[in-house]
Amino acid sequence: MNATVQPSGRRPARLTTGRIGLYAFLPISALFFLTPLYVMMVTSLKTMPEIRSGSILSWPSAHNLDAWVRASSQACTGLSCNGIQTGFWNSVRILVPSVAASIAVGAVTGYTLSFWRARGAKTLFAALMIVAFMPYQVFIYPLVRLFAMAGVGNSLLGIVLVHTIFGLPTMTLLFRNHFAALPMELFKAARVDGAGFWRIFLQIMLPMAVPIAVVAMILQVTGIWNDFLLGLVFTGCRNLPMTVQLNNIVASSQGERLYNVDMAATMLTALVPLCIYFISGRWFVRGIAAGAVKG
């Protein structure tokens, strides 16, 4: 005998106070974040006479890409007038090895702390949590002296080491929490079958960590690409990243202040993190849901 169960109780109203507040909050939040982006975009497409007219929200009369070309290849950053294209490739050279090294080492240490109960693992994990939230300005002077004595100061290797070191606490916490949320039976079954440390990590754990690896990549890419202070201190004159060159363009006090070039240079500098977020946003949400904040 099949009986249909009917829901009991009062049917919820279609529009509640909370739902109305949510619908009102979403467009306000969108306007709050999109208005500066809109102003930057339209300003970069205007000519200087249009900008001087004072109508900051008006649409440009004609789409003029001269400011983008000048910001990319002609704007002066100190004595050099090659735009920020040199800084772009410097940032790429810094970004790729820094992200790869920090994620690789963080994944191994996170796996070690979650499944292989090494001696002093709890103390090391507590130290990582403390260091992860300490301002890195505290470590700049000791690192400058240490790198100078080691002969890697003001070099590409030095800035890669710095970003790897400062990224390790966060990367280790992410991977440790992700691996700790996995069933312990997987690890035990692999040990019974005779698998060792690296085989379990490479063939079992790492393929299951793709979502959290994408989260780690997004965090590291945005953090390293947007970094200014570490790039200014540790790169030297020949490896300055894009953010430092952007500051040299925007903060220049010589000649005419070209706001359209400043906005175009800013948009070009922010292009890589924006693309990463738009492309990997779905994976970021999956990684967070898969254990990035668990543990």
C-alpha atoms as a PDB file:
ATOM      1  CA  MET A   1       0.000   0.000   0.000  1.00  0.00           C
ATOM      2  CA  ASN A   2       1.541   3.254  -1.159  1.00  0.00           C
ATOM      3  CA  ALA A   3       0.600   6.366   0.737  1.00  0.00           C
ATOM      4  CA  THR A   4       1.565   9.838  -0.360  1.00  0.00           C
ATOM      5  CA  VAL A   5       2.990  11.874   2.486  1.00  0.00           C
ATOM      6  CA  GLN A   6       1.637  15.389   2.453  1.00  0.00           C
ATOM      7  CA  PRO A   7       3.729  18.187   3.974  1.00  0.00           C
ATOM      8  CA  SER A   8       2.280  19.678   7.113  1.00  0.00           C
ATOM      9  CA  GLY A   9       2.524  23.144   8.546  1.00  0.00           C
ATOM     10  CA  ARG A  10       2.145  26.588   7.079  1.00  0.00           C
ATOM     11  CA  ARG A  11       3.434  27.161   3.587  1.00  0.00           C
ATOM     12  CA  PRO A  12       6.303  29.675   3.643  1.00  0.00           C
ATOM     13  CA  ALA A  13       5.623  33.039   2.122  1.00  0.00           C
ATOM     14  CA  ARG A  14       7.138  33.755  -1.269  1.00  0.00           C
ATOM     15  CA  LEU A  15       8.735  37.008  -0.163  1.00  0.00           C
ATOM     16  CA  THR A  16      10.058  37.251   3.357  1.00  0.00           C
ATOM     17  CA  THR A  17      11.846  40.160   4.974  1.00  0.00           C
ATOM     18  CA  GLY A  18      15.139  38.319   4.822  1.00  0.00           C
ATOM     19  CA  ARG A  19      14.724  37.511   1.133  1.00  0.00           C
ATOM     20  CA  ILE A  20      13.850  41.113   0.293  1.00  0.00           C
ATOM     21  CA  GLY A  21      16.912  42.276   2.225  1.00  0.00           C
ATOM     22  CA  LEU A  22      19.077  39.762   0.340  1.00  0.00           C
ATOM     23  CA  TYR A  23      17.769  40.906  -3.049  1.00  0.00           C
ATOM     24  CA  ALA A  24      18.460  44.515  -2.062  1.00  0.00           C
ATOM     25  CA  PHE A  25      21.931  43.712  -0.721  1.00  0.00           C
ATOM     26  CA  LEU A  26      23.195  41.878  -3.823  1.00  0.00           C
ATOM     27  CA  PRO A  27      22.847  44.730  -6.367  1.00  0.00           C
ATOM     28  CA  ILE A  28      24.208  47.247  -3.847  1.00  0.00           C
ATOM     29  CA  SER A  29      27.263  45.054  -3.284  1.00  0.00           C
ATOM     30  CA  ALA A  30      27.715  44.594  -7.021  1.00  0.00           C
ATOM     31  CA  LEU A  31      27.601  48.357  -7.584  1.00  0.00           C
ATOM     32  CA  PHE A  32      30.048  48.922  -4.728  1.00  0.00           C
ATOM     33  CA  PHE A  33      32.686  46.693  -6.318  1.00  0.00           C
ATOM     34  CA  LEU A  34      31.950  47.304 -10.012  1.00  0.00           C
ATOM     35  CA  THR A  35      31.818  51.121  -9.918  1.00  0.00           C
ATOM     36  CA  PRO A  36      35.600  51.579  -9.382  1.00  0.00           C
ATOM     37  CA  LEU A  37      36.263  49.064 -12.149  1.00  0.00           C
ATOM     38  CA  TYR A  38      33.910  50.951 -14.465  1.00  0.00           C
ATOM     39  CA  VAL A  39      35.582  54.283 -13.655  1.00  0.00           C
ATOM     40  CA  MET A  40      39.035  52.846 -14.338  1.00  0.00           C
ATOM     41  CA  MET A  41      37.940  51.301 -17.627  1.00  0.00           C
ATOM     42  CA  VAL A  42      36.190  54.361 -19.057  1.00  0.00           C
ATOM     43  CA  THR A  43      38.971  56.679 -17.879  1.00  0.00           C
ATOM     44  CA  SER A  44      41.562  54.548 -19.677  1.00  0.00           C
ATOM     45  CA  LEU A  45      39.546  54.931 -22.915  1.00  0.00           C
ATOM     46  CA  LYS A  46      39.163  58.716 -22.694  1.00  0.00           C
ATOM     47  CA  THR A  47      41.453  61.446 -23.931  1.00  0.00           C
ATOM     48  CA  MET A  48      42.895  63.949 -21.467  1.00  0.00           C
ATOM     49  CA  PRO A  49      40.514  66.779 -22.560  1.00  0.00           C
ATOM     50  CA  GLU A  50      37.561  64.494 -21.782  1.00  0.00           C
ATOM     51  CA  ILE A  51      39.022  63.617 -18.382  1.00  0.00           C
ATOM     52  CA  ARG A  52      39.575  67.302 -17.550  1.00  0.00           C
ATOM     53  CA  SER A  53      35.893  68.006 -18.235  1.00  0.00           C
ATOM     54  CA  GLY A  54      35.197  66.463 -14.834  1.00  0.00           C
ATOM     55  CA  SER A  55      32.495  63.954 -15.815  1.00  0.00           C
ATOM     56  CA  ILE A  56      34.067  60.885 -14.225  1.00  0.00           C
ATOM     57  CA  LEU A  57      31.159  58.505 -14.922  1.00  0.00           C
ATOM     58  CA  SER A  58      30.473  59.552 -18.514  1.00  0.00           C
ATOM     59  CA  TRP A  59      31.082  57.136 -21.359  1.00  0.00           C
ATOM     60  CA  PRO A  60      33.981  58.104 -23.665  1.00  0.00           C
ATOM     61  CA  SER A  61      32.983  59.797 -26.888  1.00  0.00           C
ATOM     62  CA  ALA A  62      35.267  57.440 -28.839  1.00  0.00           C
ATOM     63  CA  HIS A  63      37.143  54.316 -27.783  1.00  0.00           C
ATOM     64  CA  ASN A  64      40.736  55.475 -27.743  1.00  0.00           C
ATOM     65  CA  LEU A  65      43.328  52.756 -27.050  1.00  0.00           C
ATOM     66  CA  ASP A  66      46.332  55.092 -27.165  1.00  0.00           C
ATOM     67  CA  ALA A  67      46.589  55.077 -23.375  1.00  0.00           C
ATOM     68  CA  TRP A  68      46.761  51.267 -23.325  1.00  0.00           C
ATOM     69  CA  VAL A  69      49.506  51.236 -25.962  1.00  0.00           C
ATOM     70  CA  ARG A  70      51.455  53.893 -24.114  1.00  0.00           C
ATOM     71  CA  ALA A  71      51.077  52.134 -20.753  1.00  0.00           C
ATOM     72  CA  SER A  72      52.251  48.870 -22.269  1.00  0.00           C
ATOM     73  CA  SER A  73      55.266  50.016 -24.262  1.00  0.00           C
ATOM     74  CA  GLN A  74      55.956  53.756 -23.903  1.00  0.00           C
ATOM     75  CA  ALA A  75      55.291  54.922 -20.329  1.00  0.00           C
ATOM     76  CA  CYS A  76      58.370  55.967 -18.364  1.00  0.00           C
ATOM     77  CA  THR A  77      59.370  54.092 -15.214  1.00  0.00           C
ATOM     78  CA  GLY A  78      62.339  56.103 -14.024  1.00  0.00           C
ATOM     79  CA  LEU A  79      64.926  56.486 -16.796  1.00  0.00           C
ATOM     80  CA  SER A  80      63.404  53.713 -18.902  1.00  0.00           C
ATOM     81  CA  CYS A  81      60.439  54.442 -21.178  1.00  0.00           C
ATOM     82  CA  ASN A  82      59.477  50.931 -22.239  1.00  0.00           C
ATOM     83  CA  GLY A  83      56.145  50.768 -20.391  1.00  0.00           C
ATOM     84  CA  ILE A  84      55.283  47.936 -18.039  1.00  0.00           C
ATOM     85  CA  GLN A  85      55.881  45.124 -20.529  1.00  0.00           C
ATOM     86  CA  THR A  86      59.305  44.464 -18.982  1.00  0.00           C
ATOM     87  CA  GLY A  87      57.711  44.239 -15.545  1.00  0.00           C
ATOM     88  CA  PHE A  88      55.135  41.806 -16.893  1.00  0.00           C
ATOM     89  CA  TRP A  89      57.755  39.293 -17.990  1.00  0.00           C
ATOM     90  CA  ASN A  90      59.676  39.819 -14.762  1.00  0.00           C
ATOM     91  CA  SER A  91      56.504  39.015 -12.826  1.00  0.00           C
ATOM     92  CA  VAL A  92      55.982  35.872 -14.901  1.00  0.00           C
ATOM     93  CA  ARG A  93      59.565  34.747 -14.226  1.00  0.00           C
ATOM     94  CA  ILE A  94      58.995  35.287 -10.513  1.00  0.00           C
ATOM     95  CA  LEU A  95      55.496  33.827 -10.426  1.00  0.00           C
ATOM     96  CA  VAL A  96      55.902  30.443 -12.126  1.00  0.00           C
ATOM     97  CA  PRO A  97      58.742  28.954 -10.029  1.00  0.00           C
ATOM     98  CA  SER A  98      57.431  30.519  -6.795  1.00  0.00           C
ATOM     99  CA  VAL A  99      53.947  29.040  -7.199  1.00  0.00           C
ATOM    100  CA  ALA A 100      55.266  25.638  -8.286  1.00  0.00           C
ATOM    101  CA  ALA A 101      57.803  25.376  -5.445  1.00  0.00           C
ATOM    102  CA  SER A 102      55.498  26.586  -2.656  1.00  0.00           C
ATOM    103  CA  ILE A 103      52.606  24.295  -3.698  1.00  0.00           C
ATOM    104  CA  ALA A 104      54.872  21.258  -4.172  1.00  0.00           C
ATOM    105  CA  VAL A 105      56.605  21.628  -0.804  1.00  0.00           C
ATOM    106  CA  GLY A 106      53.370  22.623   0.956  1.00  0.00           C
ATOM    107  CA  ALA A 107      51.571  19.540  -0.384  1.00  0.00           C
ATOM    108  CA  VAL A 108      54.313  17.208   0.886  1.00  0.00           C
ATOM    109  CA  THR A 109      54.533  18.829   4.320  1.00  0.00           C
ATOM    110  CA  GLY A 110      50.746  18.963   4.646  1.00  0.00           C
ATOM    111  CA  TYR A 111      50.504  15.267   3.777  1.00  0.00           C
ATOM    112  CA  THR A 112      53.258  14.464   6.277  1.00  0.00           C
ATOM    113  CA  LEU A 113      51.558  16.332   9.108  1.00  0.00           C
ATOM    114  CA  SER A 114      48.143  14.779   8.400  1.00  0.00           C
ATOM    115  CA  PHE A 115      48.970  11.053   7.985  1.00  0.00           C
ATOM    116  CA  TRP A 116      52.594  10.464   8.957  1.00  0.00           C
ATOM    117  CA  ARG A 117      52.663  11.347  12.636  1.00  0.00           C
ATOM    118  CA  ALA A 118      56.242  12.555  12.845  1.00  0.00           C
ATOM    119  CA  ARG A 119      57.812  13.415  16.180  1.00  0.00           C
ATOM    120  CA  GLY A 120      56.998  16.998  17.105  1.00  0.00           C
ATOM    121  CA  ALA A 121      54.307  17.297  14.420  1.00  0.00           C
ATOM    122  CA  LYS A 122      51.871  19.130  16.703  1.00  0.00           C
ATOM    123  CA  THR A 123      54.529  21.646  17.707  1.00  0.00           C
ATOM    124  CA  LEU A 124      55.474  22.210  14.071  1.00  0.00           C
ATOM    125  CA  PHE A 125      51.825  22.634  13.081  1.00  0.00           C
ATOM    126  CA  ALA A 126      51.280  25.206  15.863  1.00  0.00           C
ATOM    127  CA  ALA A 127      54.397  27.099  14.756  1.00  0.00           C
ATOM    128  CA  LEU A 128      53.127  27.137  11.176  1.00  0.00           C
ATOM    129  CA  MET A 129      49.796  28.587  12.289  1.00  0.00           C
ATOM    130  CA  ILE A 130      51.575  31.351  14.202  1.00  0.00           C
ATOM    131  CA  VAL A 131      53.949  32.195  11.353  1.00  0.00           C
ATOM    132  CA  ALA A 132      51.133  32.162   8.772  1.00  0.00           C
ATOM    133  CA  PHE A 133      49.475  35.156  10.440  1.00  0.00           C
ATOM    134  CA  MET A 134      52.591  37.138  11.335  1.00  0.00           C
ATOM    135  CA  PRO A 135      53.332  40.218   9.194  1.00  0.00           C
ATOM    136  CA  TYR A 136      56.222  39.443   6.898  1.00  0.00           C
ATOM    137  CA  GLN A 137      57.687  42.913   7.444  1.00  0.00           C
ATOM    138  CA  VAL A 138      59.156  41.469  10.654  1.00  0.00           C
ATOM    139  CA  PHE A 139      61.390  39.113   8.645  1.00  0.00           C
ATOM    140  CA  ILE A 140      62.531  41.470   5.879  1.00  0.00           C
ATOM    141  CA  TYR A 141      65.714  42.837   7.475  1.00  0.00           C
ATOM    142  CA  PRO A 142      67.032  39.442   8.698  1.00  0.00           C
ATOM    143  CA  LEU A 143      66.319  37.923   5.276  1.00  0.00           C
ATOM    144  CA  VAL A 144      68.088  40.790   3.486  1.00  0.00           C
ATOM    145  CA  ARG A 145      71.211  40.234   5.592  1.00  0.00           C
ATOM    146  CA  LEU A 146      71.010  36.455   5.208  1.00  0.00           C
ATOM    147  CA  PHE A 147      70.564  36.582   1.429  1.00  0.00           C
ATOM    148  CA  ALA A 148      73.383  39.108   1.102  1.00  0.00           C
ATOM    149  CA  MET A 149      75.762  36.773   2.957  1.00  0.00           C
ATOM    150  CA  ALA A 150      74.569  33.821   0.828  1.00  0.00           C
ATOM    151  CA  GLY A 151      75.108  35.760  -2.412  1.00  0.00           C
ATOM    152  CA  VAL A 152      71.494  35.575  -3.634  1.00  0.00           C
ATOM    153  CA  GLY A 153      70.420  39.092  -2.731  1.00  0.00           C
ATOM    154  CA  ASN A 154      68.846  41.269  -5.458  1.00  0.00           C
ATOM    155  CA  SER A 155      68.386  38.277  -7.755  1.00  0.00           C
ATOM    156  CA  LEU A 156      65.605  36.213  -9.292  1.00  0.00           C
ATOM    157  CA  LEU A 157      66.547  33.245  -7.109  1.00  0.00           C
ATOM    158  CA  GLY A 158      66.301  35.385  -3.988  1.00  0.00           C
ATOM    159  CA  ILE A 159      62.765  36.637  -4.663  1.00  0.00           C
ATOM    160  CA  VAL A 160      61.615  33.115  -5.596  1.00  0.00           C
ATOM    161  CA  LEU A 161      62.993  31.797  -2.297  1.00  0.00           C
ATOM    162  CA  VAL A 162      61.263  34.595  -0.388  1.00  0.00           C
ATOM    163  CA  HIS A 163      57.845  33.919  -1.928  1.00  0.00           C
ATOM    164  CA  THR A 164      58.286  30.177  -1.410  1.00  0.00           C
ATOM    165  CA  ILE A 165      59.221  30.631   2.248  1.00  0.00           C
ATOM    166  CA  PHE A 166      56.357  33.003   3.018  1.00  0.00           C
ATOM    167  CA  GLY A 167      53.864  30.839   1.126  1.00  0.00           C
ATOM    168  CA  LEU A 168      54.763  27.582   2.890  1.00  0.00           C
ATOM    169  CA  PRO A 169      52.767  28.109   6.131  1.00  0.00           C
ATOM    170  CA  THR A 170      49.500  28.810   4.307  1.00  0.00           C
ATOM    171  CA  MET A 171      50.076  26.070   1.721  1.00  0.00           C
ATOM    172  CA  THR A 172      50.895  23.533   4.439  1.00  0.00           C
ATOM    173  CA  LEU A 173      47.759  24.442   6.404  1.00  0.00           C
ATOM    174  CA  LEU A 174      45.550  24.091   3.329  1.00  0.00           C
ATOM    175  CA  PHE A 175      46.894  20.704   2.281  1.00  0.00           C
ATOM    176  CA  ARG A 176      47.109  19.387   5.841  1.00  0.00           C
ATOM    177  CA  ASN A 177      43.445  20.213   6.504  1.00  0.00           C
ATOM    178  CA  HIS A 178      42.414  18.686   3.179  1.00  0.00           C
ATOM    179  CA  PHE A 179      44.333  15.436   3.697  1.00  0.00           C
ATOM    180  CA  ALA A 180      43.188  15.176   7.328  1.00  0.00           C
ATOM    181  CA  ALA A 181      39.557  15.220   6.129  1.00  0.00           C
ATOM    182  CA  LEU A 182      40.131  12.127   3.945  1.00  0.00           C
ATOM    183  CA  PRO A 183      39.267   8.661   5.326  1.00  0.00           C
ATOM    184  CA  MET A 184      42.169   7.157   7.236  1.00  0.00           C
ATOM    185  CA  GLU A 185      41.248   3.756   5.781  1.00  0.00           C
ATOM    186  CA  LEU A 186      42.697   4.797   2.400  1.00  0.00           C
ATOM    187  CA  PHE A 187      46.080   5.355   3.962  1.00  0.00           C
ATOM    188  CA  LYS A 188      45.956   2.157   6.016  1.00  0.00           C
ATOM    189  CA  ALA A 189      44.889   0.034   3.035  1.00  0.00           C
ATOM    190  CA  ALA A 190      47.767   1.383   0.977  1.00  0.00           C
ATOM    191  CA  ARG A 191      50.214   0.620   3.765  1.00  0.00           C
ATOM    192  CA  VAL A 192      48.895  -2.943   4.007  1.00  0.00           C
ATOM    193  CA  ASP A 193      49.432  -3.368   0.260  1.00  0.00           C
ATOM    194  CA  GLY A 194      53.062  -2.372   0.727  1.00  0.00           C
ATOM    195  CA  ALA A 195      52.972   1.191  -0.609  1.00  0.00           C
ATOM    196  CA  GLY A 196      55.534   3.572   0.825  1.00  0.00           C
ATOM    197  CA  PHE A 197      55.530   7.291   1.564  1.00  0.00           C
ATOM    198  CA  TRP A 198      55.994   8.630  -1.952  1.00  0.00           C
ATOM    199  CA  ARG A 199      53.815   6.034  -3.689  1.00  0.00           C
ATOM    200  CA  ILE A 200      50.871   6.779  -1.392  1.00  0.00           C
ATOM    201  CA  PHE A 201      51.362  10.511  -1.853  1.00  0.00           C
ATOM    202  CA  LEU A 202      51.837  10.535  -5.638  1.00  0.00           C
ATOM    203  CA  GLN A 203      49.368   7.839  -6.683  1.00  0.00           C
ATOM    204  CA  ILE A 204      46.594   8.118  -4.073  1.00  0.00           C
ATOM    205  CA  MET A 205      46.617  11.403  -2.168  1.00  0.00           C
ATOM    206  CA  LEU A 206      47.790  13.865  -4.811  1.00  0.00           C
ATOM    207  CA  PRO A 207      45.140  12.947  -7.442  1.00  0.00           C
ATOM    208  CA  MET A 208      42.479  13.524  -4.770  1.00  0.00           C
ATOM    209  CA  ALA A 209      43.913  16.969  -3.964  1.00  0.00           C
ATOM    210  CA  VAL A 210      43.237  18.654  -7.314  1.00  0.00           C
ATOM    211  CA  PRO A 211      40.514  21.018  -5.969  1.00  0.00           C
ATOM    212  CA  ILE A 212      42.628  22.153  -3.030  1.00  0.00           C
ATOM    213  CA  ALA A 213      45.648  22.522  -5.335  1.00  0.00           C
ATOM    214  CA  VAL A 214      43.588  24.937  -7.455  1.00  0.00           C
ATOM    215  CA  VAL A 215      42.706  26.906  -4.305  1.00  0.00           C
ATOM    216  CA  ALA A 216      46.385  27.032  -3.389  1.00  0.00           C
ATOM    217  CA  MET A 217      47.307  28.134  -6.917  1.00  0.00           C
ATOM    218  CA  ILE A 218      44.755  30.967  -6.896  1.00  0.00           C
ATOM    219  CA  LEU A 219      45.940  32.212  -3.507  1.00  0.00           C
ATOM    220  CA  GLN A 220      49.603  32.083  -4.491  1.00  0.00           C
ATOM    221  CA  VAL A 221      49.138  33.593  -7.949  1.00  0.00           C
ATOM    222  CA  THR A 222      47.149  36.558  -6.647  1.00  0.00           C
ATOM    223  CA  GLY A 223      49.417  37.060  -3.634  1.00  0.00           C
ATOM    224  CA  ILE A 224      52.702  36.892  -5.562  1.00  0.00           C
ATOM    225  CA  TRP A 225      51.477  38.835  -8.593  1.00  0.00           C
ATOM    226  CA  ASN A 226      50.053  41.657  -6.439  1.00  0.00           C
ATOM    227  CA  ASP A 227      53.075  41.817  -4.142  1.00  0.00           C
ATOM    228  CA  PHE A 228      54.887  45.143  -4.016  1.00  0.00           C
ATOM    229  CA  LEU A 229      57.090  45.294  -0.922  1.00  0.00           C
ATOM    230  CA  LEU A 230      58.958  42.003  -1.344  1.00  0.00           C
ATOM    231  CA  GLY A 231      59.472  42.675  -5.044  1.00  0.00           C
ATOM    232  CA  LEU A 232      60.854  46.118  -4.276  1.00  0.00           C
ATOM    233  CA  VAL A 233      63.272  44.857  -1.611  1.00  0.00           C
ATOM    234  CA  PHE A 234      64.558  41.541  -2.984  1.00  0.00           C
ATOM    235  CA  THR A 235      64.544  41.754  -6.803  1.00  0.00           C
ATOM    236  CA  GLY A 236      67.122  44.423  -7.530  1.00  0.00           C
ATOM    237  CA  CYS A 237      66.923  46.828 -10.460  1.00  0.00           C
ATOM    238  CA  ARG A 238      66.839  44.247 -13.275  1.00  0.00           C
ATOM    239  CA  ASN A 239      64.024  42.025 -11.983  1.00  0.00           C
ATOM    240  CA  LEU A 240      61.440  44.547 -10.788  1.00  0.00           C
ATOM    241  CA  PRO A 241      57.917  43.082 -10.997  1.00  0.00           C
ATOM    242  CA  MET A 242      54.951  44.716 -12.657  1.00  0.00           C
ATOM    243  CA  THR A 243      53.561  46.232  -9.456  1.00  0.00           C
ATOM    244  CA  VAL A 244      56.775  48.148  -8.748  1.00  0.00           C
ATOM    245  CA  GLN A 245      56.866  49.517 -12.276  1.00  0.00           C
ATOM    246  CA  LEU A 246      53.190  50.475 -11.976  1.00  0.00           C
ATOM    247  CA  ASN A 247      54.011  52.472  -8.854  1.00  0.00           C
ATOM    248  CA  ASN A 248      56.831  54.227 -10.718  1.00  0.00           C
ATOM    249  CA  ILE A 249      54.382  55.227 -13.458  1.00  0.00           C
ATOM    250  CA  VAL A 250      51.538  56.373 -11.208  1.00  0.00           C
ATOM    251  CA  ALA A 251      53.709  58.117  -8.607  1.00  0.00           C
ATOM    252  CA  SER A 252      55.819  60.027 -11.120  1.00  0.00           C
ATOM    253  CA  SER A 253      55.909  63.751 -10.357  1.00  0.00           C
ATOM    254  CA  GLN A 254      57.546  64.854 -13.616  1.00  0.00           C
ATOM    255  CA  GLY A 255      55.658  66.104 -16.646  1.00  0.00           C
ATOM    256  CA  GLU A 256      51.915  65.943 -17.238  1.00  0.00           C
ATOM    257  CA  ARG A 257      49.833  63.587 -15.093  1.00  0.00           C
ATOM    258  CA  LEU A 258      48.206  61.253 -17.623  1.00  0.00           C
ATOM    259  CA  TYR A 259      45.308  59.673 -15.762  1.00  0.00           C
ATOM    260  CA  ASN A 260      44.218  57.575 -18.728  1.00  0.00           C
ATOM    261  CA  VAL A 261      47.690  55.992 -18.935  1.00  0.00           C
ATOM    262  CA  ASP A 262      47.693  55.409 -15.170  1.00  0.00           C
ATOM    263  CA  MET A 263      44.329  53.637 -15.341  1.00  0.00           C
ATOM    264  CA  ALA A 264      45.358  51.561 -18.363  1.00  0.00           C
ATOM    265  CA  ALA A 265      48.572  50.488 -16.615  1.00  0.00           C
ATOM    266  CA  THR A 266      46.576  49.540 -13.530  1.00  0.00           C
ATOM    267  CA  MET A 267      44.145  47.462 -15.581  1.00  0.00           C
ATOM    268  CA  LEU A 268      47.005  45.690 -17.372  1.00  0.00           C
ATOM    269  CA  THR A 269      48.640  44.883 -14.034  1.00  0.00           C
ATOM    270  CA  ALA A 270      45.408  43.442 -12.605  1.00  0.00           C
ATOM    271  CA  LEU A 271      44.596  41.425 -15.736  1.00  0.00           C
ATOM    272  CA  VAL A 272      46.310  38.165 -14.698  1.00  0.00           C
ATOM    273  CA  PRO A 273      44.617  37.804 -11.249  1.00  0.00           C
ATOM    274  CA  LEU A 274      41.253  38.682 -12.798  1.00  0.00           C
ATOM    275  CA  CYS A 275      41.657  36.012 -15.478  1.00  0.00           C
ATOM    276  CA  ILE A 276      42.697  33.441 -12.874  1.00  0.00           C
ATOM    277  CA  TYR A 277      39.581  34.163 -10.807  1.00  0.00           C
ATOM    278  CA  PHE A 278      37.221  34.043 -13.778  1.00  0.00           C
ATOM    279  CA  ILE A 279      38.697  30.821 -15.163  1.00  0.00           C
ATOM    280  CA  SER A 280      39.190  28.952 -11.870  1.00  0.00           C
ATOM    281  CA  GLY A 281      36.306  30.330  -9.797  1.00  0.00           C
ATOM    282  CA  ARG A 282      34.325  27.092  -9.950  1.00  0.00           C
ATOM    283  CA  TRP A 283      37.356  25.065  -8.839  1.00  0.00           C
ATOM    284  CA  PHE A 284      37.970  27.526  -6.007  1.00  0.00           C
ATOM    285  CA  VAL A 285      34.494  26.926  -4.599  1.00  0.00           C
ATOM    286  CA  ARG A 286      34.914  23.153  -4.967  1.00  0.00           C
ATOM    287  CA  GLY A 287      38.243  23.266  -3.162  1.00  0.00           C
ATOM    288  CA  ILE A 288      36.838  25.257  -0.266  1.00  0.00           C
ATOM    289  CA  ALA A 289      33.932  22.834   0.033  1.00  0.00           C
ATOM    290  CA  ALA A 290      36.306  19.849  -0.152  1.00  0.00           C
ATOM    291  CA  GLY A 291      38.145  20.752   3.025  1.00  0.00           C
ATOM    292  CA  ALA A 292      40.134  23.930   2.655  1.00  0.00           C
ATOM    293  CA  VAL A 293      38.702  25.309   5.901  1.00  0.00           C
ATOM    294  CA  LYS A 294      38.276  22.021   7.731  1.00  0.00           C
ATOM    295  CA  GLY A 295      40.602  20.399  10.202  1.00  0.00           C
END
